[in-house]
Amino acid sequence: MENSNNIIILEDEHGCSIEFEVIDVFEFEGITFFALLECMPEGQETDEVLIMKVEGDIDSEEAELVMVEDEDLLQRAFDEFVRRDEEADE
């Protein structure tokens, strides 16, 4: 996982690099989550937010962003992201 400003580069299951903008990092239920938007080519936009969790110590080189496999946890984390986003808009 590379990090430069608010852009991180992740590899998909095929080894292709994809750039994401970090739009939020938050603690929820004792887990650190990242809310990401895929960086699209100029003229294209996406509003699909990807929620991933940090596995390992976030302050170490060993930390990894991983998919949230538990659908209930993913929904709760997404709801928390939406709540935080709406609160920030106020």
PDB file of N, CA and C in Angstrom:
ATOM      1  N   MET A   1       0.851  -1.171   0.000  1.00  0.00           N
ATOM      2  CA  MET A   1       0.000   0.000   0.000  1.00  0.00           C
ATOM      3  C   MET A   1       0.896   1.232   0.000  1.00  0.00           C
ATOM      4  N   GLU A   2       0.796   2.029  -1.047  1.00  0.00           N
ATOM      5  CA  GLU A   2       1.540   3.280  -1.122  1.00  0.00           C
ATOM      6  C   GLU A   2       0.615   4.422  -0.739  1.00  0.00           C
ATOM      7  N   ASN A   3       1.186   5.488  -0.185  1.00  0.00           N
ATOM      8  CA  ASN A   3       0.377   6.626   0.216  1.00  0.00           C
ATOM      9  C   ASN A   3       1.098   7.913  -0.156  1.00  0.00           C
ATOM     10  N   SER A   4       0.433   8.745  -0.929  1.00  0.00           N
ATOM     11  CA  SER A   4       0.958  10.048  -1.293  1.00  0.00           C
ATOM     12  C   SER A   4      -0.187  11.039  -1.201  1.00  0.00           C
ATOM     13  N   ASN A   5      -0.118  11.956  -0.219  1.00  0.00           N
ATOM     14  CA  ASN A   5      -1.216  12.873   0.053  1.00  0.00           C
ATOM     15  C   ASN A   5      -2.469  12.063   0.340  1.00  0.00           C
ATOM     16  N   ASN A   6      -3.536  12.284  -0.420  1.00  0.00           N
ATOM     17  CA  ASN A   6      -4.777  11.550  -0.195  1.00  0.00           C
ATOM     18  C   ASN A   6      -4.991  10.461  -1.233  1.00  0.00           C
ATOM     19  N   ILE A   7      -3.967  10.091  -1.963  1.00  0.00           N
ATOM     20  CA  ILE A   7      -4.065   9.060  -2.991  1.00  0.00           C
ATOM     21  C   ILE A   7      -3.285   7.827  -2.521  1.00  0.00           C
ATOM     22  N   ILE A   8      -3.930   6.668  -2.619  1.00  0.00           N
ATOM     23  CA  ILE A   8      -3.225   5.417  -2.348  1.00  0.00           C
ATOM     24  C   ILE A   8      -3.368   4.521  -3.570  1.00  0.00           C
ATOM     25  N   ILE A   9      -2.421   3.648  -3.740  1.00  0.00           N
ATOM     26  CA  ILE A   9      -2.429   2.720  -4.864  1.00  0.00           C
ATOM     27  C   ILE A   9      -2.557   1.313  -4.298  1.00  0.00           C
ATOM     28  N   LEU A  10      -3.594   0.610  -4.740  1.00  0.00           N
ATOM     29  CA  LEU A  10      -3.835  -0.756  -4.318  1.00  0.00           C
ATOM     30  C   LEU A  10      -3.766  -1.669  -5.530  1.00  0.00           C
ATOM     31  N   GLU A  11      -3.466  -2.924  -5.283  1.00  0.00           N
ATOM     32  CA  GLU A  11      -3.453  -3.914  -6.366  1.00  0.00           C
ATOM     33  C   GLU A  11      -4.710  -4.758  -6.286  1.00  0.00           C
ATOM     34  N   ASP A  12      -5.339  -5.001  -7.458  1.00  0.00           N
ATOM     35  CA  ASP A  12      -6.503  -5.884  -7.474  1.00  0.00           C
ATOM     36  C   ASP A  12      -6.047  -7.338  -7.530  1.00  0.00           C
ATOM     37  N   GLU A  13      -6.983  -8.259  -7.637  1.00  0.00           N
ATOM     38  CA  GLU A  13      -6.654  -9.681  -7.609  1.00  0.00           C
ATOM     39  C   GLU A  13      -5.841 -10.130  -8.819  1.00  0.00           C
ATOM     40  N   HIS A  14      -5.787  -9.283  -9.867  1.00  0.00           N
ATOM     41  CA  HIS A  14      -5.020  -9.598 -11.073  1.00  0.00           C
ATOM     42  C   HIS A  14      -3.645  -8.926 -11.090  1.00  0.00           C
ATOM     43  N   GLY A  15      -3.321  -8.203 -10.006  1.00  0.00           N
ATOM     44  CA  GLY A  15      -2.036  -7.529  -9.921  1.00  0.00           C
ATOM     45  C   GLY A  15      -2.008  -6.159 -10.573  1.00  0.00           C
ATOM     46  N   CYS A  16      -3.181  -5.659 -10.991  1.00  0.00           N
ATOM     47  CA  CYS A  16      -3.257  -4.333 -11.611  1.00  0.00           C
ATOM     48  C   CYS A  16      -3.333  -3.262 -10.526  1.00  0.00           C
ATOM     49  N   SER A  17      -2.589  -2.168 -10.713  1.00  0.00           N
ATOM     50  CA  SER A  17      -2.602  -1.060  -9.761  1.00  0.00           C
ATOM     51  C   SER A  17      -3.792  -0.148 -10.033  1.00  0.00           C
ATOM     52  N   ILE A  18      -4.487   0.216  -8.972  1.00  0.00           N
ATOM     53  CA  ILE A  18      -5.633   1.118  -9.065  1.00  0.00           C
ATOM     54  C   ILE A  18      -5.432   2.232  -8.047  1.00  0.00           C
ATOM     55  N   GLU A  19      -5.614   3.483  -8.483  1.00  0.00           N
ATOM     56  CA  GLU A  19      -5.480   4.633  -7.586  1.00  0.00           C
ATOM     57  C   GLU A  19      -6.824   4.948  -6.952  1.00  0.00           C
ATOM     58  N   PHE A  20      -6.765   5.230  -5.651  1.00  0.00           N
ATOM     59  CA  PHE A  20      -7.957   5.618  -4.903  1.00  0.00           C
ATOM     60  C   PHE A  20      -7.664   6.889  -4.138  1.00  0.00           C
ATOM     61  N   GLU A  21      -8.679   7.730  -4.000  1.00  0.00           N
ATOM     62  CA  GLU A  21      -8.600   8.898  -3.135  1.00  0.00           C
ATOM     63  C   GLU A  21      -9.171   8.510  -1.777  1.00  0.00           C
ATOM     64  N   VAL A  22      -8.427   8.808  -0.728  1.00  0.00           N
ATOM     65  CA  VAL A  22      -8.902   8.558   0.636  1.00  0.00           C
ATOM     66  C   VAL A  22      -9.820   9.715   1.008  1.00  0.00           C
ATOM     67  N   ILE A  23     -11.107   9.409   1.215  1.00  0.00           N
ATOM     68  CA  ILE A  23     -12.055  10.471   1.560  1.00  0.00           C
ATOM     69  C   ILE A  23     -12.383  10.509   3.045  1.00  0.00           C
ATOM     70  N   ASP A  24     -12.045   9.436   3.762  1.00  0.00           N
ATOM     71  CA  ASP A  24     -12.237   9.435   5.210  1.00  0.00           C
ATOM     72  C   ASP A  24     -11.464   8.265   5.815  1.00  0.00           C
ATOM     73  N   VAL A  25     -10.977   8.463   7.021  1.00  0.00           N
ATOM     74  CA  VAL A  25     -10.370   7.403   7.829  1.00  0.00           C
ATOM     75  C   VAL A  25     -11.024   7.546   9.193  1.00  0.00           C
ATOM     76  N   PHE A  26     -11.596   6.448   9.689  1.00  0.00           N
ATOM     77  CA  PHE A  26     -12.313   6.548  10.951  1.00  0.00           C
ATOM     78  C   PHE A  26     -12.231   5.248  11.734  1.00  0.00           C
ATOM     79  N   GLU A  27     -12.334   5.413  13.071  1.00  0.00           N
ATOM     80  CA  GLU A  27     -12.381   4.279  13.993  1.00  0.00           C
ATOM     81  C   GLU A  27     -13.842   3.957  14.244  1.00  0.00           C
ATOM     82  N   PHE A  28     -14.170   2.666  14.192  1.00  0.00           N
ATOM     83  CA  PHE A  28     -15.528   2.229  14.455  1.00  0.00           C
ATOM     84  C   PHE A  28     -15.474   0.806  14.982  1.00  0.00           C
ATOM     85  N   GLU A  29     -16.103   0.578  16.112  1.00  0.00           N
ATOM     86  CA  GLU A  29     -16.117  -0.738  16.754  1.00  0.00           C
ATOM     87  C   GLU A  29     -14.699  -1.299  16.936  1.00  0.00           C
ATOM     88  N   GLY A  30     -13.748  -0.401  17.260  1.00  0.00           N
ATOM     89  CA  GLY A  30     -12.380  -0.816  17.525  1.00  0.00           C
ATOM     90  C   GLY A  30     -11.554  -1.137  16.290  1.00  0.00           C
ATOM     91  N   ILE A  31     -12.082  -0.824  15.113  1.00  0.00           N
ATOM     92  CA  ILE A  31     -11.399  -1.106  13.841  1.00  0.00           C
ATOM     93  C   ILE A  31     -11.203   0.212  13.100  1.00  0.00           C
ATOM     94  N   THR A  32     -10.053   0.367  12.428  1.00  0.00           N
ATOM     95  CA  THR A  32      -9.824   1.535  11.595  1.00  0.00           C
ATOM     96  C   THR A  32     -10.290   1.214  10.177  1.00  0.00           C
ATOM     97  N   PHE A  33     -11.140   2.082   9.650  1.00  0.00           N
ATOM     98  CA  PHE A  33     -11.674   1.921   8.300  1.00  0.00           C
ATOM     99  C   PHE A  33     -11.217   3.063   7.405  1.00  0.00           C
ATOM    100  N   PHE A  34     -11.040   2.756   6.132  1.00  0.00           N
ATOM    101  CA  PHE A  34     -10.764   3.758   5.109  1.00  0.00           C
ATOM    102  C   PHE A  34     -11.962   3.793   4.171  1.00  0.00           C
ATOM    103  N   ALA A  35     -12.421   4.991   3.835  1.00  0.00           N
ATOM    104  CA  ALA A  35     -13.440   5.176   2.808  1.00  0.00           C
ATOM    105  C   ALA A  35     -12.710   5.706   1.577  1.00  0.00           C
ATOM    106  N   LEU A  36     -12.843   5.006   0.457  1.00  0.00           N
ATOM    107  CA  LEU A  36     -12.073   5.302  -0.746  1.00  0.00           C
ATOM    108  C   LEU A  36     -12.976   5.536  -1.952  1.00  0.00           C
ATOM    109  N   LEU A  37     -12.528   6.414  -2.845  1.00  0.00           N
ATOM    110  CA  LEU A  37     -13.149   6.612  -4.150  1.00  0.00           C
ATOM    111  C   LEU A  37     -12.094   6.323  -5.205  1.00  0.00           C
ATOM    112  N   GLU A  38     -12.445   5.525  -6.200  1.00  0.00           N
ATOM    113  CA  GLU A  38     -11.499   5.227  -7.273  1.00  0.00           C
ATOM    114  C   GLU A  38     -11.231   6.492  -8.079  1.00  0.00           C
ATOM    115  N   CYS A  39      -9.972   6.765  -8.368  1.00  0.00           N
ATOM    116  CA  CYS A  39      -9.592   7.895  -9.214  1.00  0.00           C
ATOM    117  C   CYS A  39      -9.928   7.518 -10.660  1.00  0.00           C
ATOM    118  N   MET A  40     -10.790   8.299 -11.250  1.00  0.00           N
ATOM    119  CA  MET A  40     -11.265   8.002 -12.599  1.00  0.00           C
ATOM    120  C   MET A  40     -10.544   8.886 -13.617  1.00  0.00           C
ATOM    121  N   PRO A  41     -10.501   8.443 -14.881  1.00  0.00           N
ATOM    122  CA  PRO A  41      -9.925   9.288 -15.935  1.00  0.00           C
ATOM    123  C   PRO A  41     -10.694  10.606 -16.026  1.00  0.00           C
ATOM    124  N   GLU A  42     -10.024  11.643 -16.524  1.00  0.00           N
ATOM    125  CA  GLU A  42     -10.635  12.961 -16.638  1.00  0.00           C
ATOM    126  C   GLU A  42     -11.945  12.866 -17.413  1.00  0.00           C
ATOM    127  N   GLY A  43     -12.965  13.532 -16.893  1.00  0.00           N
ATOM    128  CA  GLY A  43     -14.271  13.526 -17.540  1.00  0.00           C
ATOM    129  C   GLY A  43     -15.191  12.424 -17.026  1.00  0.00           C
ATOM    130  N   GLN A  44     -14.661  11.502 -16.241  1.00  0.00           N
ATOM    131  CA  GLN A  44     -15.480  10.430 -15.671  1.00  0.00           C
ATOM    132  C   GLN A  44     -15.526  10.591 -14.154  1.00  0.00           C
ATOM    133  N   GLU A  45     -16.639  10.195 -13.564  1.00  0.00           N
ATOM    134  CA  GLU A  45     -16.792  10.272 -12.110  1.00  0.00           C
ATOM    135  C   GLU A  45     -17.416   8.994 -11.586  1.00  0.00           C
ATOM    136  N   THR A  46     -17.188   8.734 -10.328  1.00  0.00           N
ATOM    137  CA  THR A  46     -17.851   7.630  -9.645  1.00  0.00           C
ATOM    138  C   THR A  46     -18.292   8.112  -8.279  1.00  0.00           C
ATOM    139  N   ASP A  47     -19.408   7.575  -7.811  1.00  0.00           N
ATOM    140  CA  ASP A  47     -19.836   7.890  -6.452  1.00  0.00           C
ATOM    141  C   ASP A  47     -19.877   6.612  -5.620  1.00  0.00           C
ATOM    142  N   GLU A  48     -19.231   5.565  -6.128  1.00  0.00           N
ATOM    143  CA  GLU A  48     -19.166   4.285  -5.425  1.00  0.00           C
ATOM    144  C   GLU A  48     -18.043   4.324  -4.397  1.00  0.00           C
ATOM    145  N   VAL A  49     -18.431   4.312  -3.129  1.00  0.00           N
ATOM    146  CA  VAL A  49     -17.471   4.368  -2.033  1.00  0.00           C
ATOM    147  C   VAL A  49     -17.065   2.945  -1.664  1.00  0.00           C
ATOM    148  N   LEU A  50     -15.763   2.733  -1.554  1.00  0.00           N
ATOM    149  CA  LEU A  50     -15.225   1.449  -1.132  1.00  0.00           C
ATOM    150  C   LEU A  50     -14.786   1.584   0.318  1.00  0.00           C
ATOM    151  N   ILE A  51     -15.335   0.731   1.186  1.00  0.00           N
ATOM    152  CA  ILE A  51     -14.955   0.713   2.599  1.00  0.00           C
ATOM    153  C   ILE A  51     -14.017  -0.470   2.808  1.00  0.00           C
ATOM    154  N   MET A  52     -12.822  -0.188   3.322  1.00  0.00           N
ATOM    155  CA  MET A  52     -11.853  -1.236   3.624  1.00  0.00           C
ATOM    156  C   MET A  52     -11.397  -1.056   5.067  1.00  0.00           C
ATOM    157  N   LYS A  53     -10.923  -2.144   5.667  1.00  0.00           N
ATOM    158  CA  LYS A  53     -10.455  -2.051   7.052  1.00  0.00           C
ATOM    159  C   LYS A  53      -8.950  -2.275   7.101  1.00  0.00           C
ATOM    160  N   VAL A  54      -8.350  -1.724   8.147  1.00  0.00           N
ATOM    161  CA  VAL A  54      -6.919  -1.890   8.368  1.00  0.00           C
ATOM    162  C   VAL A  54      -6.707  -3.159   9.179  1.00  0.00           C
ATOM    163  N   GLU A  55      -5.823  -3.992   8.689  1.00  0.00           N
ATOM    164  CA  GLU A  55      -5.424  -5.191   9.419  1.00  0.00           C
ATOM    165  C   GLU A  55      -3.994  -4.978   9.885  1.00  0.00           C
ATOM    166  N   GLY A  56      -3.761  -5.151  11.167  1.00  0.00           N
ATOM    167  CA  GLY A  56      -2.445  -4.883  11.739  1.00  0.00           C
ATOM    168  C   GLY A  56      -2.394  -3.486  12.312  1.00  0.00           C
ATOM    169  N   ASP A  57      -1.245  -3.119  12.844  1.00  0.00           N
ATOM    170  CA  ASP A  57      -1.031  -1.806  13.462  1.00  0.00           C
ATOM    171  C   ASP A  57      -0.917  -0.753  12.377  1.00  0.00           C
ATOM    172  N   ILE A  58      -1.840   0.211  12.380  1.00  0.00           N
ATOM    173  CA  ILE A  58      -1.886   1.242  11.332  1.00  0.00           C
ATOM    174  C   ILE A  58      -0.592   2.052  11.260  1.00  0.00           C
ATOM    175  N   ASP A  59       0.157   2.113  12.369  1.00  0.00           N
ATOM    176  CA  ASP A  59       1.393   2.894  12.393  1.00  0.00           C
ATOM    177  C   ASP A  59       2.619   2.092  11.972  1.00  0.00           C
ATOM    178  N   SER A  60       2.420   0.851  11.560  1.00  0.00           N
ATOM    179  CA  SER A  60       3.572   0.031  11.187  1.00  0.00           C
ATOM    180  C   SER A  60       3.591  -0.233   9.686  1.00  0.00           C
ATOM    181  N   GLU A  61       4.737  -0.687   9.215  1.00  0.00           N
ATOM    182  CA  GLU A  61       4.896  -1.064   7.807  1.00  0.00           C
ATOM    183  C   GLU A  61       4.072  -2.300   7.477  1.00  0.00           C
ATOM    184  N   GLU A  62       3.667  -3.033   8.482  1.00  0.00           N
ATOM    185  CA  GLU A  62       2.938  -4.286   8.305  1.00  0.00           C
ATOM    186  C   GLU A  62       1.447  -4.077   8.046  1.00  0.00           C
ATOM    187  N   ALA A  63       0.942  -2.878   8.267  1.00  0.00           N
ATOM    188  CA  ALA A  63      -0.493  -2.620   8.115  1.00  0.00           C
ATOM    189  C   ALA A  63      -0.938  -2.851   6.669  1.00  0.00           C
ATOM    190  N   GLU A  64      -2.116  -3.429   6.548  1.00  0.00           N
ATOM    191  CA  GLU A  64      -2.687  -3.715   5.239  1.00  0.00           C
ATOM    192  C   GLU A  64      -4.139  -3.277   5.197  1.00  0.00           C
ATOM    193  N   LEU A  65      -4.584  -2.798   4.045  1.00  0.00           N
ATOM    194  CA  LEU A  65      -6.003  -2.564   3.832  1.00  0.00           C
ATOM    195  C   LEU A  65      -6.588  -3.832   3.238  1.00  0.00           C
ATOM    196  N   VAL A  66      -7.671  -4.307   3.838  1.00  0.00           N
ATOM    197  CA  VAL A  66      -8.305  -5.535   3.360  1.00  0.00           C
ATOM    198  C   VAL A  66      -9.805  -5.299   3.200  1.00  0.00           C
ATOM    199  N   MET A  67     -10.409  -6.118   2.360  1.00  0.00           N
ATOM    200  CA  MET A  67     -11.847  -6.058   2.161  1.00  0.00           C
ATOM    201  C   MET A  67     -12.539  -6.483   3.449  1.00  0.00           C
ATOM    202  N   VAL A  68     -13.726  -5.938   3.687  1.00  0.00           N
ATOM    203  CA  VAL A  68     -14.529  -6.324   4.841  1.00  0.00           C
ATOM    204  C   VAL A  68     -15.412  -7.485   4.393  1.00  0.00           C
ATOM    205  N   GLU A  69     -15.119  -8.674   4.892  1.00  0.00           N
ATOM    206  CA  GLU A  69     -15.836  -9.881   4.475  1.00  0.00           C
ATOM    207  C   GLU A  69     -17.210 -10.000   5.142  1.00  0.00           C
ATOM    208  N   ASP A  70     -17.328  -9.524   6.381  1.00  0.00           N
ATOM    209  CA  ASP A  70     -18.573  -9.611   7.146  1.00  0.00           C
ATOM    210  C   ASP A  70     -19.548  -8.546   6.629  1.00  0.00           C
ATOM    211  N   GLU A  71     -20.618  -8.982   5.957  1.00  0.00           N
ATOM    212  CA  GLU A  71     -21.581  -8.050   5.353  1.00  0.00           C
ATOM    213  C   GLU A  71     -22.233  -7.130   6.379  1.00  0.00           C
ATOM    214  N   ASP A  72     -22.533  -7.664   7.571  1.00  0.00           N
ATOM    215  CA  ASP A  72     -23.154  -6.836   8.614  1.00  0.00           C
ATOM    216  C   ASP A  72     -22.191  -5.750   9.086  1.00  0.00           C
ATOM    217  N   LEU A  73     -20.937  -6.117   9.309  1.00  0.00           N
ATOM    218  CA  LEU A  73     -19.926  -5.140   9.715  1.00  0.00           C
ATOM    219  C   LEU A  73     -19.726  -4.105   8.612  1.00  0.00           C
ATOM    220  N   LEU A  74     -19.676  -4.541   7.379  1.00  0.00           N
ATOM    221  CA  LEU A  74     -19.517  -3.615   6.248  1.00  0.00           C
ATOM    222  C   LEU A  74     -20.661  -2.608   6.218  1.00  0.00           C
ATOM    223  N   GLN A  75     -21.891  -3.084   6.403  1.00  0.00           N
ATOM    224  CA  GLN A  75     -23.049  -2.175   6.390  1.00  0.00           C
ATOM    225  C   GLN A  75     -22.980  -1.188   7.550  1.00  0.00           C
ATOM    226  N   ARG A  76     -22.623  -1.671   8.741  1.00  0.00           N
ATOM    227  CA  ARG A  76     -22.511  -0.768   9.896  1.00  0.00           C
ATOM    228  C   ARG A  76     -21.413   0.278   9.671  1.00  0.00           C
ATOM    229  N   ALA A  77     -20.282  -0.148   9.113  1.00  0.00           N
ATOM    230  CA  ALA A  77     -19.181   0.791   8.836  1.00  0.00           C
ATOM    231  C   ALA A  77     -19.601   1.808   7.785  1.00  0.00           C
ATOM    232  N   PHE A  78     -20.316   1.345   6.747  1.00  0.00           N
ATOM    233  CA  PHE A  78     -20.793   2.276   5.716  1.00  0.00           C
ATOM    234  C   PHE A  78     -21.776   3.276   6.319  1.00  0.00           C
ATOM    235  N   ASP A  79     -22.691   2.802   7.164  1.00  0.00           N
ATOM    236  CA  ASP A  79     -23.644   3.696   7.827  1.00  0.00           C
ATOM    237  C   ASP A  79     -22.914   4.740   8.670  1.00  0.00           C
ATOM    238  N   GLU A  80     -21.840   4.326   9.349  1.00  0.00           N
ATOM    239  CA  GLU A  80     -21.031   5.264  10.141  1.00  0.00           C
ATOM    240  C   GLU A  80     -20.358   6.288   9.223  1.00  0.00           C
ATOM    241  N   PHE A  81     -19.849   5.842   8.088  1.00  0.00           N
ATOM    242  CA  PHE A  81     -19.251   6.768   7.115  1.00  0.00           C
ATOM    243  C   PHE A  81     -20.287   7.806   6.668  1.00  0.00           C
ATOM    244  N   VAL A  82     -21.499   7.354   6.326  1.00  0.00           N
ATOM    245  CA  VAL A  82     -22.559   8.269   5.874  1.00  0.00           C
ATOM    246  C   VAL A  82     -22.902   9.259   6.982  1.00  0.00           C
ATOM    247  N   ARG A  83     -23.017   8.762   8.214  1.00  0.00           N
ATOM    248  CA  ARG A  83     -23.316   9.637   9.347  1.00  0.00           C
ATOM    249  C   ARG A  83     -22.250  10.714   9.504  1.00  0.00           C
ATOM    250  N   ARG A  84     -20.987  10.302   9.424  1.00  0.00           N
ATOM    251  CA  ARG A  84     -19.869  11.246   9.558  1.00  0.00           C
ATOM    252  C   ARG A  84     -19.883  12.263   8.413  1.00  0.00           C
ATOM    253  N   ASP A  85     -20.185  11.794   7.216  1.00  0.00           N
ATOM    254  CA  ASP A  85     -20.212  12.665   6.039  1.00  0.00           C
ATOM    255  C   ASP A  85     -21.336  13.703   6.171  1.00  0.00           C
ATOM    256  N   GLU A  86     -22.501  13.272   6.618  1.00  0.00           N
ATOM    257  CA  GLU A  86     -23.622  14.192   6.804  1.00  0.00           C
ATOM    258  C   GLU A  86     -23.321  15.187   7.914  1.00  0.00           C
ATOM    259  N   GLU A  87     -22.673  14.735   8.976  1.00  0.00           N
ATOM    260  CA  GLU A  87     -22.296  15.611  10.089  1.00  0.00           C
ATOM    261  C   GLU A  87     -21.298  16.669   9.617  1.00  0.00           C
ATOM    262  N   ALA A  88     -20.377  16.281   8.747  1.00  0.00           N
ATOM    263  CA  ALA A  88     -19.370  17.220   8.228  1.00  0.00           C
ATOM    264  C   ALA A  88     -20.012  18.271   7.322  1.00  0.00           C
ATOM    265  N   ASP A  89     -21.098  17.893   6.646  1.00  0.00           N
ATOM    266  CA  ASP A  89     -21.793  18.835   5.751  1.00  0.00           C
ATOM    267  C   ASP A  89     -22.556  19.901   6.500  1.00  0.00           C
ATOM    268  N   GLU A  90     -22.890  19.628   7.780  1.00  0.00           N
ATOM    269  CA  GLU A  90     -23.681  20.591   8.571  1.00  0.00           C
ATOM    270  C   GLU A  90     -22.857  21.726   9.095  1.00  0.00           C
TER     271      GLU A  90
END
